[in-house]
Amino acid sequence: MIKGVLRAAAAIGTVAAVGVFVYRYLLTDEARESLRSGVTEVRNTVETVNKTLCDEPDERAAAQINRRRTQMQWEKLGY
């Protein structure tokens, strides 16, 4: 069990080290900027999706409350 965890940690560390090396020494400035802008776009998209998914239940609840209030007002008016 511990050997498996250590192997996984070593593999993750190796991949991270290779990634840092490639980013720092093998990519051109243009490639780095392209990578940064791609990461920024992905981050913004994820944030937008999270906001949409998280805010939706609140909006549904507010709409349901508004719908009930409006229905009660119409009933008071006799409709």
C-alpha atoms as a PDB file:
ATOM      1  CA  MET A   1       0.000   0.000   0.000  1.00  0.00           C
ATOM      2  CA  ILE A   2       2.675   2.506   0.999  1.00  0.00           C
ATOM      3  CA  LYS A   3       4.843   1.507  -1.959  1.00  0.00           C
ATOM      4  CA  GLY A   4       1.952   2.286  -4.292  1.00  0.00           C
ATOM      5  CA  VAL A   5       1.451   5.696  -2.726  1.00  0.00           C
ATOM      6  CA  LEU A   6       5.169   6.435  -2.949  1.00  0.00           C
ATOM      7  CA  ARG A   7       5.261   5.369  -6.593  1.00  0.00           C
ATOM      8  CA  ALA A   8       2.288   7.579  -7.382  1.00  0.00           C
ATOM      9  CA  ALA A   9       3.881  10.527  -5.570  1.00  0.00           C
ATOM     10  CA  ALA A  10       7.160   9.955  -7.420  1.00  0.00           C
ATOM     11  CA  ALA A  11       5.357   9.789 -10.746  1.00  0.00           C
ATOM     12  CA  ILE A  12       3.408  12.989 -10.044  1.00  0.00           C
ATOM     13  CA  GLY A  13       6.605  14.732  -8.919  1.00  0.00           C
ATOM     14  CA  THR A  14       8.438  13.606 -12.049  1.00  0.00           C
ATOM     15  CA  VAL A  15       5.671  14.799 -14.339  1.00  0.00           C
ATOM     16  CA  ALA A  16       5.538  18.146 -12.521  1.00  0.00           C
ATOM     17  CA  ALA A  17       9.318  18.587 -12.753  1.00  0.00           C
ATOM     18  CA  VAL A  18       9.334  17.775 -16.472  1.00  0.00           C
ATOM     19  CA  GLY A  19       6.444  20.199 -16.982  1.00  0.00           C
ATOM     20  CA  VAL A  20       8.278  23.006 -15.217  1.00  0.00           C
ATOM     21  CA  PHE A  21      11.463  22.294 -17.174  1.00  0.00           C
ATOM     22  CA  VAL A  22       9.634  22.295 -20.507  1.00  0.00           C
ATOM     23  CA  TYR A  23       7.739  25.480 -19.621  1.00  0.00           C
ATOM     24  CA  ARG A  24      10.839  27.371 -18.499  1.00  0.00           C
ATOM     25  CA  TYR A  25      13.467  26.231 -20.965  1.00  0.00           C
ATOM     26  CA  LEU A  26      11.856  24.771 -24.075  1.00  0.00           C
ATOM     27  CA  LEU A  27       8.847  27.000 -24.777  1.00  0.00           C
ATOM     28  CA  THR A  28       9.169  30.291 -26.580  1.00  0.00           C
ATOM     29  CA  ASP A  29       7.692  33.459 -25.100  1.00  0.00           C
ATOM     30  CA  GLU A  30       4.881  33.268 -27.637  1.00  0.00           C
ATOM     31  CA  ALA A  31       4.085  29.672 -26.660  1.00  0.00           C
ATOM     32  CA  ARG A  32       4.081  30.571 -22.960  1.00  0.00           C
ATOM     33  CA  GLU A  33       1.696  33.466 -23.591  1.00  0.00           C
ATOM     34  CA  SER A  34      -0.570  31.212 -25.624  1.00  0.00           C
ATOM     35  CA  LEU A  35      -0.573  28.646 -22.818  1.00  0.00           C
ATOM     36  CA  ARG A  36      -1.341  31.331 -20.232  1.00  0.00           C
ATOM     37  CA  SER A  37      -4.236  32.720 -22.264  1.00  0.00           C
ATOM     38  CA  GLY A  38      -5.630  29.213 -22.754  1.00  0.00           C
ATOM     39  CA  VAL A  39      -5.486  28.538 -19.028  1.00  0.00           C
ATOM     40  CA  THR A  40      -7.159  31.881 -18.336  1.00  0.00           C
ATOM     41  CA  GLU A  41      -9.969  31.085 -20.779  1.00  0.00           C
ATOM     42  CA  VAL A  42     -10.535  27.683 -19.192  1.00  0.00           C
ATOM     43  CA  ARG A  43     -10.567  29.231 -15.708  1.00  0.00           C
ATOM     44  CA  ASN A  44     -13.086  31.887 -16.769  1.00  0.00           C
ATOM     45  CA  THR A  45     -15.303  29.269 -18.407  1.00  0.00           C
ATOM     46  CA  VAL A  46     -15.260  27.091 -15.298  1.00  0.00           C
ATOM     47  CA  GLU A  47     -16.114  30.073 -13.098  1.00  0.00           C
ATOM     48  CA  THR A  48     -19.013  30.998 -15.386  1.00  0.00           C
ATOM     49  CA  VAL A  49     -20.374  27.463 -15.349  1.00  0.00           C
ATOM     50  CA  ASN A  50     -20.032  27.265 -11.561  1.00  0.00           C
ATOM     51  CA  LYS A  51     -21.859  30.558 -11.125  1.00  0.00           C
ATOM     52  CA  THR A  52     -24.614  29.403 -13.438  1.00  0.00           C
ATOM     53  CA  LEU A  53     -25.048  26.094 -11.680  1.00  0.00           C
ATOM     54  CA  CYS A  54     -24.778  27.507  -8.169  1.00  0.00           C
ATOM     55  CA  ASP A  55     -27.045  30.505  -8.684  1.00  0.00           C
ATOM     56  CA  GLU A  56     -29.776  28.594 -10.463  1.00  0.00           C
ATOM     57  CA  PRO A  57     -31.414  27.007  -7.368  1.00  0.00           C
ATOM     58  CA  ASP A  58     -31.576  30.407  -5.655  1.00  0.00           C
ATOM     59  CA  GLU A  59     -33.168  31.960  -8.713  1.00  0.00           C
ATOM     60  CA  ARG A  60     -35.678  29.110  -8.937  1.00  0.00           C
ATOM     61  CA  ALA A  61     -36.600  29.548  -5.276  1.00  0.00           C
ATOM     62  CA  ALA A  62     -37.020  33.297  -5.722  1.00  0.00           C
ATOM     63  CA  ALA A  63     -39.151  32.761  -8.820  1.00  0.00           C
ATOM     64  CA  GLN A  64     -41.312  30.229  -6.972  1.00  0.00           C
ATOM     65  CA  ILE A  65     -41.841  32.644  -4.076  1.00  0.00           C
ATOM     66  CA  ASN A  66     -42.728  35.443  -6.491  1.00  0.00           C
ATOM     67  CA  ARG A  67     -45.127  33.145  -8.343  1.00  0.00           C
ATOM     68  CA  ARG A  68     -46.904  32.186  -5.099  1.00  0.00           C
ATOM     69  CA  ARG A  69     -47.141  35.826  -3.991  1.00  0.00           C
ATOM     70  CA  THR A  70     -48.616  36.858  -7.339  1.00  0.00           C
ATOM     71  CA  GLN A  71     -51.078  33.975  -7.244  1.00  0.00           C
ATOM     72  CA  MET A  72     -52.231  34.987  -3.748  1.00  0.00           C
ATOM     73  CA  GLN A  73     -52.717  38.584  -4.900  1.00  0.00           C
ATOM     74  CA  TRP A  74     -54.871  37.432  -7.814  1.00  0.00           C
ATOM     75  CA  GLU A  75     -56.910  35.216  -5.485  1.00  0.00           C
ATOM     76  CA  LYS A  76     -57.497  38.167  -3.141  1.00  0.00           C
ATOM     77  CA  LEU A  77     -58.825  40.126  -6.115  1.00  0.00           C
ATOM     78  CA  GLY A  78     -61.257  37.305  -6.878  1.00  0.00           C
ATOM     79  CA  TYR A  79     -59.613  35.764  -9.918  1.00  0.00           C
END
